[in-house]
C-alpha cells in the first residue's frame, strides 16, 4: 500500500499519536490523543513515514492559512511533486481542510515531527523543502510564507545560516549563490568545498533519506535537492577552475 493509502486509511493515527495523529483521527472519525505502545522497528519506521507525510499536508495547510489564499498552482505543485494518486486526492484534501480549519497551531505539528526526526536533520530539511516548493509554486514566496517557513525551520532546530542555505536551494539557479547553497564561505579553500560537497551528497542521497523515514513517494523532492547541490558545486568549479 502506498503512503497515501496508509495515511488516508486513518488507522496509522493509532500508531502516530500526538497532534498529527489526532488530526488523522479527526478526519477518520475517531479521536487519537496518545501514542499506543508500538515498539517494533517496522512500526516506528511506518509511523515516521506517516508523520512526514501528514506534516507536509498539515503544515502546508497552515502556511496557506497564513498567506490567506491557496492558488491552483500550489495545488498542482503538491499533486505533482508528492505523487498523489487521483483516487487519493479526496482524502488528502480532507486532511488539508481539517488542518486549516482546526485550532491547533502549526507549531504543535512542527514540534512533533521535529522530535520524531531529531536525529535525522536531513529528513527535516527535505520536509521544509517540500513547504518551500509549495510556497514558490505561484512564482513568488510571499513575506508571510517566508516568515512561516523561518519559524518552522527554527522549531526544526535550524540556525539562521541553515535557513538561508535552504532558501538559496529554492531560488532559480541564476539567482542562487552557489556558496550559500553549499553552506560554505566565499573564501573557503578548494579542498574544504570538495569535502562539504561530498558530505552533502552523502547526507541527501534519496536512499539514505528513505531509510531514515522519508516516504518513497517523495523521491522527486530529494532528487530536486540533490540537483541544486550538484549545480552549485559545478558553478563553483567553473568559477574557480577546479578540476
C-alpha atoms as a PDB file:
ATOM      1  CA  UNK A   1       0.000   0.000   0.000  1.00  0.00           C
ATOM      2  CA  UNK A   2       1.291   3.495  -0.830  1.00  0.00           C
ATOM      3  CA  UNK A   3       1.948   6.005   1.933  1.00  0.00           C
ATOM      4  CA  UNK A   4      -1.166   7.898   0.827  1.00  0.00           C
ATOM      5  CA  UNK A   5      -3.340   4.837   1.338  1.00  0.00           C
ATOM      6  CA  UNK A   6      -1.895   4.327   4.805  1.00  0.00           C
ATOM      7  CA  UNK A   7      -2.414   7.969   5.756  1.00  0.00           C
ATOM      8  CA  UNK A   8      -5.900   8.286   4.356  1.00  0.00           C
ATOM      9  CA  UNK A   9      -6.951   4.937   5.803  1.00  0.00           C
ATOM     10  CA  UNK A  10      -6.777   6.612   9.197  1.00  0.00           C
ATOM     11  CA  UNK A  11      -5.501   3.541  11.052  1.00  0.00           C
ATOM     12  CA  UNK A  12      -1.994   4.965  11.108  1.00  0.00           C
ATOM     13  CA  UNK A  13      -3.188   7.628  13.536  1.00  0.00           C
ATOM     14  CA  UNK A  14      -3.253   4.994  16.274  1.00  0.00           C
ATOM     15  CA  UNK A  15       0.461   4.381  15.813  1.00  0.00           C
ATOM     16  CA  UNK A  16       1.363   8.019  15.329  1.00  0.00           C
ATOM     17  CA  UNK A  17      -0.261   9.755  18.291  1.00  0.00           C
ATOM     18  CA  UNK A  18       0.203  13.428  19.208  1.00  0.00           C
ATOM     19  CA  UNK A  19      -1.363  16.329  17.298  1.00  0.00           C
ATOM     20  CA  UNK A  20      -0.594  14.736  13.910  1.00  0.00           C
ATOM     21  CA  UNK A  21      -2.292  11.516  14.995  1.00  0.00           C
ATOM     22  CA  UNK A  22      -5.220  13.482  16.396  1.00  0.00           C
ATOM     23  CA  UNK A  23      -5.579  15.237  13.039  1.00  0.00           C
ATOM     24  CA  UNK A  24      -5.797  11.867  11.307  1.00  0.00           C
ATOM     25  CA  UNK A  25      -8.238  10.678  13.929  1.00  0.00           C
ATOM     26  CA  UNK A  26     -10.496  13.680  13.381  1.00  0.00           C
ATOM     27  CA  UNK A  27     -10.595  13.019   9.655  1.00  0.00           C
ATOM     28  CA  UNK A  28     -11.192   9.294  10.198  1.00  0.00           C
ATOM     29  CA  UNK A  29     -13.933   9.994  12.732  1.00  0.00           C
ATOM     30  CA  UNK A  30     -12.193   8.950  15.926  1.00  0.00           C
ATOM     31  CA  UNK A  31     -10.048  10.983  18.309  1.00  0.00           C
ATOM     32  CA  UNK A  32      -6.463   9.945  18.905  1.00  0.00           C
ATOM     33  CA  UNK A  33      -4.670  11.710  21.720  1.00  0.00           C
ATOM     34  CA  UNK A  34      -1.831   9.472  22.869  1.00  0.00           C
ATOM     35  CA  UNK A  35       0.793   7.148  21.489  1.00  0.00           C
ATOM     36  CA  UNK A  36      -0.106   3.461  21.581  1.00  0.00           C
ATOM     37  CA  UNK A  37       2.590   1.050  22.661  1.00  0.00           C
ATOM     38  CA  UNK A  38       4.313   0.152  19.424  1.00  0.00           C
ATOM     39  CA  UNK A  39       7.933  -0.707  19.900  1.00  0.00           C
ATOM     40  CA  UNK A  40       8.872  -2.738  16.833  1.00  0.00           C
ATOM     41  CA  UNK A  41      11.272  -1.103  14.362  1.00  0.00           C
ATOM     42  CA  UNK A  42       8.816  -1.635  11.495  1.00  0.00           C
ATOM     43  CA  UNK A  43       6.064   0.116  13.470  1.00  0.00           C
ATOM     44  CA  UNK A  44       8.380   3.018  14.276  1.00  0.00           C
ATOM     45  CA  UNK A  45       9.533   3.370  10.676  1.00  0.00           C
ATOM     46  CA  UNK A  46       5.945   3.278   9.396  1.00  0.00           C
ATOM     47  CA  UNK A  47       4.900   5.902  11.946  1.00  0.00           C
ATOM     48  CA  UNK A  48       7.789   8.160  10.882  1.00  0.00           C
ATOM     49  CA  UNK A  49       6.823   7.897   7.213  1.00  0.00           C
ATOM     50  CA  UNK A  50       3.215   8.748   8.067  1.00  0.00           C
ATOM     51  CA  UNK A  51       4.370  11.622  10.288  1.00  0.00           C
ATOM     52  CA  UNK A  52       6.471  13.062   7.454  1.00  0.00           C
ATOM     53  CA  UNK A  53       3.546  12.867   5.035  1.00  0.00           C
ATOM     54  CA  UNK A  54       0.903  14.263   7.374  1.00  0.00           C
ATOM     55  CA  UNK A  55       3.266  17.045   8.465  1.00  0.00           C
ATOM     56  CA  UNK A  56       3.685  18.165   4.850  1.00  0.00           C
ATOM     57  CA  UNK A  57      -0.101  18.292   4.410  1.00  0.00           C
ATOM     58  CA  UNK A  58      -0.833  19.927   7.773  1.00  0.00           C
ATOM     59  CA  UNK A  59       1.965  22.492   7.644  1.00  0.00           C
ATOM     60  CA  UNK A  60       1.130  23.245   4.013  1.00  0.00           C
ATOM     61  CA  UNK A  61      -2.445  23.932   5.092  1.00  0.00           C
ATOM     62  CA  UNK A  62      -1.325  26.176   7.926  1.00  0.00           C
ATOM     63  CA  UNK A  63       1.013  28.047   5.575  1.00  0.00           C
ATOM     64  CA  UNK A  64      -1.873  28.567   3.155  1.00  0.00           C
ATOM     65  CA  UNK A  65      -3.944  29.949   6.002  1.00  0.00           C
ATOM     66  CA  UNK A  66      -1.136  32.317   6.986  1.00  0.00           C
ATOM     67  CA  UNK A  67      -0.890  33.558   3.405  1.00  0.00           C
ATOM     68  CA  UNK A  68      -4.666  33.797   3.083  1.00  0.00           C
ATOM     69  CA  UNK A  69      -5.037  32.141  -0.318  1.00  0.00           C
ATOM     70  CA  UNK A  70      -4.377  28.772  -1.947  1.00  0.00           C
ATOM     71  CA  UNK A  71      -3.656  29.110  -5.660  1.00  0.00           C
ATOM     72  CA  UNK A  72      -4.270  26.476  -8.306  1.00  0.00           C
ATOM     73  CA  UNK A  73      -0.526  26.423  -8.983  1.00  0.00           C
ATOM     74  CA  UNK A  74       0.156  25.451  -5.369  1.00  0.00           C
ATOM     75  CA  UNK A  75      -2.385  22.621  -5.533  1.00  0.00           C
ATOM     76  CA  UNK A  76      -0.940  21.358  -8.817  1.00  0.00           C
ATOM     77  CA  UNK A  77       2.607  21.554  -7.421  1.00  0.00           C
ATOM     78  CA  UNK A  78       1.573  19.492  -4.423  1.00  0.00           C
ATOM     79  CA  UNK A  79      -0.040  16.785  -6.561  1.00  0.00           C
ATOM     80  CA  UNK A  80       2.866  16.617  -8.992  1.00  0.00           C
ATOM     81  CA  UNK A  81       5.764  16.661  -6.552  1.00  0.00           C
ATOM     82  CA  UNK A  82       4.254  14.316  -3.994  1.00  0.00           C
ATOM     83  CA  UNK A  83       2.796  11.817  -6.480  1.00  0.00           C
ATOM     84  CA  UNK A  84      -0.700  11.749  -5.019  1.00  0.00           C
ATOM     85  CA  UNK A  85      -2.837   9.241  -6.973  1.00  0.00           C
ATOM     86  CA  UNK A  86      -6.062  10.789  -8.313  1.00  0.00           C
ATOM     87  CA  UNK A  87      -8.182   8.389  -6.272  1.00  0.00           C
ATOM     88  CA  UNK A  88      -6.456   9.536  -3.066  1.00  0.00           C
ATOM     89  CA  UNK A  89      -6.778  13.285  -3.611  1.00  0.00           C
ATOM     90  CA  UNK A  90     -10.143  13.490  -1.868  1.00  0.00           C
ATOM     91  CA  UNK A  91      -8.645  12.033   1.299  1.00  0.00           C
ATOM     92  CA  UNK A  92      -5.630  14.346   1.138  1.00  0.00           C
ATOM     93  CA  UNK A  93      -7.996  17.295   0.712  1.00  0.00           C
ATOM     94  CA  UNK A  94      -9.893  16.236   3.845  1.00  0.00           C
ATOM     95  CA  UNK A  95      -6.725  16.277   5.922  1.00  0.00           C
ATOM     96  CA  UNK A  96      -5.680  19.611   4.381  1.00  0.00           C
ATOM     97  CA  UNK A  97      -9.060  21.203   5.089  1.00  0.00           C
ATOM     98  CA  UNK A  98      -9.211  19.844   8.636  1.00  0.00           C
ATOM     99  CA  UNK A  99      -5.720  21.151   9.413  1.00  0.00           C
ATOM    100  CA  UNK A 100      -6.605  24.556   8.004  1.00  0.00           C
ATOM    101  CA  UNK A 101      -9.868  24.662   9.952  1.00  0.00           C
ATOM    102  CA  UNK A 102      -8.949  23.366  13.384  1.00  0.00           C
ATOM    103  CA  UNK A 103      -7.444  25.493  16.121  1.00  0.00           C
ATOM    104  CA  UNK A 104      -4.168  23.633  16.738  1.00  0.00           C
ATOM    105  CA  UNK A 105      -1.301  25.940  15.874  1.00  0.00           C
ATOM    106  CA  UNK A 106       1.253  24.900  13.270  1.00  0.00           C
ATOM    107  CA  UNK A 107       3.911  24.930  15.991  1.00  0.00           C
ATOM    108  CA  UNK A 108       2.441  21.785  17.554  1.00  0.00           C
ATOM    109  CA  UNK A 109       2.724  19.868  14.284  1.00  0.00           C
ATOM    110  CA  UNK A 110       6.256  21.135  13.661  1.00  0.00           C
ATOM    111  CA  UNK A 111       7.357  20.300  17.206  1.00  0.00           C
ATOM    112  CA  UNK A 112       6.039  16.743  16.989  1.00  0.00           C
ATOM    113  CA  UNK A 113       7.752  15.930  13.712  1.00  0.00           C
ATOM    114  CA  UNK A 114      10.932  17.642  14.935  1.00  0.00           C
ATOM    115  CA  UNK A 115      11.010  15.292  17.925  1.00  0.00           C
ATOM    116  CA  UNK A 116      10.459  12.235  15.729  1.00  0.00           C
ATOM    117  CA  UNK A 117      13.328  13.177  13.394  1.00  0.00           C
ATOM    118  CA  UNK A 118      15.646  14.793  15.922  1.00  0.00           C
ATOM    119  CA  UNK A 119      18.498  12.536  14.777  1.00  0.00           C
ATOM    120  CA  UNK A 120      17.686  12.869  11.050  1.00  0.00           C
ATOM    121  CA  UNK A 121      18.038  16.598  10.279  1.00  0.00           C
ATOM    122  CA  UNK A 122      18.365  15.894   6.551  1.00  0.00           C
ATOM    123  CA  UNK A 123      14.820  14.465   6.578  1.00  0.00           C
ATOM    124  CA  UNK A 124      13.529  17.581   8.337  1.00  0.00           C
ATOM    125  CA  UNK A 125      15.315  19.653   5.714  1.00  0.00           C
ATOM    126  CA  UNK A 126      13.504  17.718   2.982  1.00  0.00           C
ATOM    127  CA  UNK A 127      10.184  18.359   4.723  1.00  0.00           C
ATOM    128  CA  UNK A 128      10.968  22.067   4.881  1.00  0.00           C
ATOM    129  CA  UNK A 129      11.955  21.861   1.223  1.00  0.00           C
ATOM    130  CA  UNK A 130       8.526  20.470   0.402  1.00  0.00           C
ATOM    131  CA  UNK A 131       6.937  23.501   2.028  1.00  0.00           C
ATOM    132  CA  UNK A 132       9.242  25.794   0.051  1.00  0.00           C
ATOM    133  CA  UNK A 133       8.193  24.028  -3.143  1.00  0.00           C
ATOM    134  CA  UNK A 134       4.519  24.617  -2.378  1.00  0.00           C
ATOM    135  CA  UNK A 135       5.123  28.242  -1.400  1.00  0.00           C
ATOM    136  CA  UNK A 136       7.006  29.105  -4.591  1.00  0.00           C
ATOM    137  CA  UNK A 137       4.602  27.325  -6.944  1.00  0.00           C
ATOM    138  CA  UNK A 138       2.759  30.549  -7.809  1.00  0.00           C
ATOM    139  CA  UNK A 139       6.032  32.206  -8.820  1.00  0.00           C
ATOM    140  CA  UNK A 140       6.803  34.087  -5.621  1.00  0.00           C
ATOM    141  CA  UNK A 141       7.285  33.310  -1.925  1.00  0.00           C
ATOM    142  CA  UNK A 142       5.242  35.906  -0.085  1.00  0.00           C
ATOM    143  CA  UNK A 143       6.582  37.561   3.051  1.00  0.00           C
ATOM    144  CA  UNK A 144       4.049  35.826   5.309  1.00  0.00           C
ATOM    145  CA  UNK A 145       5.024  32.480   3.795  1.00  0.00           C
ATOM    146  CA  UNK A 146       8.702  33.250   4.342  1.00  0.00           C
ATOM    147  CA  UNK A 147       8.048  34.160   7.974  1.00  0.00           C
ATOM    148  CA  UNK A 148       6.118  30.914   8.401  1.00  0.00           C
ATOM    149  CA  UNK A 149       8.942  28.889   6.852  1.00  0.00           C
ATOM    150  CA  UNK A 150      11.531  30.636   9.006  1.00  0.00           C
ATOM    151  CA  UNK A 151       9.571  29.808  12.172  1.00  0.00           C
ATOM    152  CA  UNK A 152       9.187  26.141  11.153  1.00  0.00           C
ATOM    153  CA  UNK A 153      12.926  25.987  10.458  1.00  0.00           C
ATOM    154  CA  UNK A 154      13.642  27.329  13.948  1.00  0.00           C
ATOM    155  CA  UNK A 155      11.411  24.683  15.519  1.00  0.00           C
ATOM    156  CA  UNK A 156      13.230  22.041  13.473  1.00  0.00           C
ATOM    157  CA  UNK A 157      16.479  23.227  15.035  1.00  0.00           C
ATOM    158  CA  UNK A 158      17.974  25.031  12.044  1.00  0.00           C
ATOM    159  CA  UNK A 159      20.010  28.197  12.525  1.00  0.00           C
ATOM    160  CA  UNK A 160      19.524  31.409  10.554  1.00  0.00           C
ATOM    161  CA  UNK A 161      22.517  30.387   8.414  1.00  0.00           C
ATOM    162  CA  UNK A 162      20.945  26.963   7.805  1.00  0.00           C
ATOM    163  CA  UNK A 163      17.701  28.621   6.755  1.00  0.00           C
ATOM    164  CA  UNK A 164      19.463  30.892   4.278  1.00  0.00           C
ATOM    165  CA  UNK A 165      21.272  27.910   2.785  1.00  0.00           C
ATOM    166  CA  UNK A 166      17.969  26.042   2.393  1.00  0.00           C
ATOM    167  CA  UNK A 167      16.269  29.121   0.932  1.00  0.00           C
ATOM    168  CA  UNK A 168      19.036  29.520  -1.614  1.00  0.00           C
ATOM    169  CA  UNK A 169      18.463  25.990  -2.930  1.00  0.00           C
ATOM    170  CA  UNK A 170      14.936  27.044  -3.914  1.00  0.00           C
ATOM    171  CA  UNK A 171      15.972  30.102  -5.891  1.00  0.00           C
ATOM    172  CA  UNK A 172      16.389  29.879  -9.687  1.00  0.00           C
ATOM    173  CA  UNK A 173      19.969  28.738 -10.480  1.00  0.00           C
ATOM    174  CA  UNK A 174      20.816  32.106 -11.996  1.00  0.00           C
ATOM    175  CA  UNK A 175      19.806  33.870  -8.763  1.00  0.00           C
ATOM    176  CA  UNK A 176      21.181  31.458  -6.168  1.00  0.00           C
ATOM    177  CA  UNK A 177      24.578  31.999  -4.572  1.00  0.00           C
ATOM    178  CA  UNK A 178      26.317  28.618  -5.058  1.00  0.00           C
ATOM    179  CA  UNK A 179      28.447  29.147  -1.949  1.00  0.00           C
ATOM    180  CA  UNK A 180      25.297  29.726   0.117  1.00  0.00           C
ATOM    181  CA  UNK A 181      23.692  26.602  -1.353  1.00  0.00           C
ATOM    182  CA  UNK A 182      26.625  24.522  -0.114  1.00  0.00           C
ATOM    183  CA  UNK A 183      26.846  26.487   3.125  1.00  0.00           C
ATOM    184  CA  UNK A 184      30.499  27.461   2.675  1.00  0.00           C
ATOM    185  CA  UNK A 185      32.259  30.814   2.910  1.00  0.00           C
ATOM    186  CA  UNK A 186      33.246  32.551  -0.309  1.00  0.00           C
ATOM    187  CA  UNK A 187      36.881  32.358   0.739  1.00  0.00           C
ATOM    188  CA  UNK A 188      36.799  28.652   1.634  1.00  0.00           C
ATOM    189  CA  UNK A 189      39.629  26.726   0.007  1.00  0.00           C
ATOM    190  CA  UNK A 190      39.007  24.225  -2.762  1.00  0.00           C
ATOM    191  CA  UNK A 191      39.551  21.168  -0.580  1.00  0.00           C
ATOM    192  CA  UNK A 192      37.079  22.396   2.022  1.00  0.00           C
ATOM    193  CA  UNK A 193      34.477  22.960  -0.688  1.00  0.00           C
ATOM    194  CA  UNK A 194      35.033  19.456  -2.081  1.00  0.00           C
ATOM    195  CA  UNK A 195      34.689  17.965   1.403  1.00  0.00           C
ATOM    196  CA  UNK A 196      31.441  19.821   2.124  1.00  0.00           C
ATOM    197  CA  UNK A 197      30.029  18.926  -1.286  1.00  0.00           C
ATOM    198  CA  UNK A 198      30.727  15.220  -0.807  1.00  0.00           C
ATOM    199  CA  UNK A 199      29.154  15.298   2.657  1.00  0.00           C
ATOM    200  CA  UNK A 200      26.022  16.992   1.343  1.00  0.00           C
ATOM    201  CA  UNK A 201      25.672  14.468  -1.478  1.00  0.00           C
ATOM    202  CA  UNK A 202      26.051  11.631   1.009  1.00  0.00           C
ATOM    203  CA  UNK A 203      23.562  13.105   3.502  1.00  0.00           C
ATOM    204  CA  UNK A 204      20.990  13.947   0.851  1.00  0.00           C
ATOM    205  CA  UNK A 205      21.093  10.737  -1.159  1.00  0.00           C
ATOM    206  CA  UNK A 206      17.472   9.559  -1.639  1.00  0.00           C
ATOM    207  CA  UNK A 207      18.226   6.016  -0.418  1.00  0.00           C
ATOM    208  CA  UNK A 208      19.625   7.343   2.866  1.00  0.00           C
ATOM    209  CA  UNK A 209      16.683   9.703   3.366  1.00  0.00           C
ATOM    210  CA  UNK A 210      14.146   6.946   2.764  1.00  0.00           C
ATOM    211  CA  UNK A 211      15.943   4.687   5.232  1.00  0.00           C
ATOM    212  CA  UNK A 212      15.574   7.479   7.807  1.00  0.00           C
ATOM    213  CA  UNK A 213      11.827   7.916   7.291  1.00  0.00           C
ATOM    214  CA  UNK A 214      11.145   9.852   4.098  1.00  0.00           C
ATOM    215  CA  UNK A 215       8.483   8.005   2.048  1.00  0.00           C
ATOM    216  CA  UNK A 216       9.278   6.700  -1.438  1.00  0.00           C
ATOM    217  CA  UNK A 217       6.542   8.935  -2.833  1.00  0.00           C
ATOM    218  CA  UNK A 218       8.690  11.980  -2.028  1.00  0.00           C
ATOM    219  CA  UNK A 219      11.653  10.868  -4.112  1.00  0.00           C
ATOM    220  CA  UNK A 220      11.273  13.763  -6.559  1.00  0.00           C
ATOM    221  CA  UNK A 221      11.795  16.172  -3.672  1.00  0.00           C
ATOM    222  CA  UNK A 222      15.094  14.518  -2.756  1.00  0.00           C
ATOM    223  CA  UNK A 223      16.257  14.477  -6.370  1.00  0.00           C
ATOM    224  CA  UNK A 224      15.432  18.182  -6.723  1.00  0.00           C
ATOM    225  CA  UNK A 225      17.558  18.990  -3.668  1.00  0.00           C
ATOM    226  CA  UNK A 226      20.459  16.888  -4.919  1.00  0.00           C
ATOM    227  CA  UNK A 227      20.277  18.594  -8.307  1.00  0.00           C
ATOM    228  CA  UNK A 228      20.576  22.010  -6.635  1.00  0.00           C
ATOM    229  CA  UNK A 229      23.650  20.852  -4.692  1.00  0.00           C
ATOM    230  CA  UNK A 230      25.280  19.474  -7.843  1.00  0.00           C
ATOM    231  CA  UNK A 231      24.512  22.643  -9.815  1.00  0.00           C
ATOM    232  CA  UNK A 232      26.032  24.816  -7.082  1.00  0.00           C
ATOM    233  CA  UNK A 233      29.210  22.736  -6.983  1.00  0.00           C
ATOM    234  CA  UNK A 234      29.555  22.824 -10.775  1.00  0.00           C
ATOM    235  CA  UNK A 235      29.130  26.615 -10.718  1.00  0.00           C
ATOM    236  CA  UNK A 236      31.910  26.972  -8.127  1.00  0.00           C
ATOM    237  CA  UNK A 237      34.182  24.599 -10.029  1.00  0.00           C
ATOM    238  CA  UNK A 238      33.707  26.615 -13.200  1.00  0.00           C
ATOM    239  CA  UNK A 239      34.274  29.901 -11.375  1.00  0.00           C
ATOM    240  CA  UNK A 240      37.469  28.667  -9.698  1.00  0.00           C
ATOM    241  CA  UNK A 241      38.723  26.322 -12.372  1.00  0.00           C
ATOM    242  CA  UNK A 242      38.582  23.299 -10.060  1.00  0.00           C
ATOM    243  CA  UNK A 243      39.193  20.050 -11.914  1.00  0.00           C
END
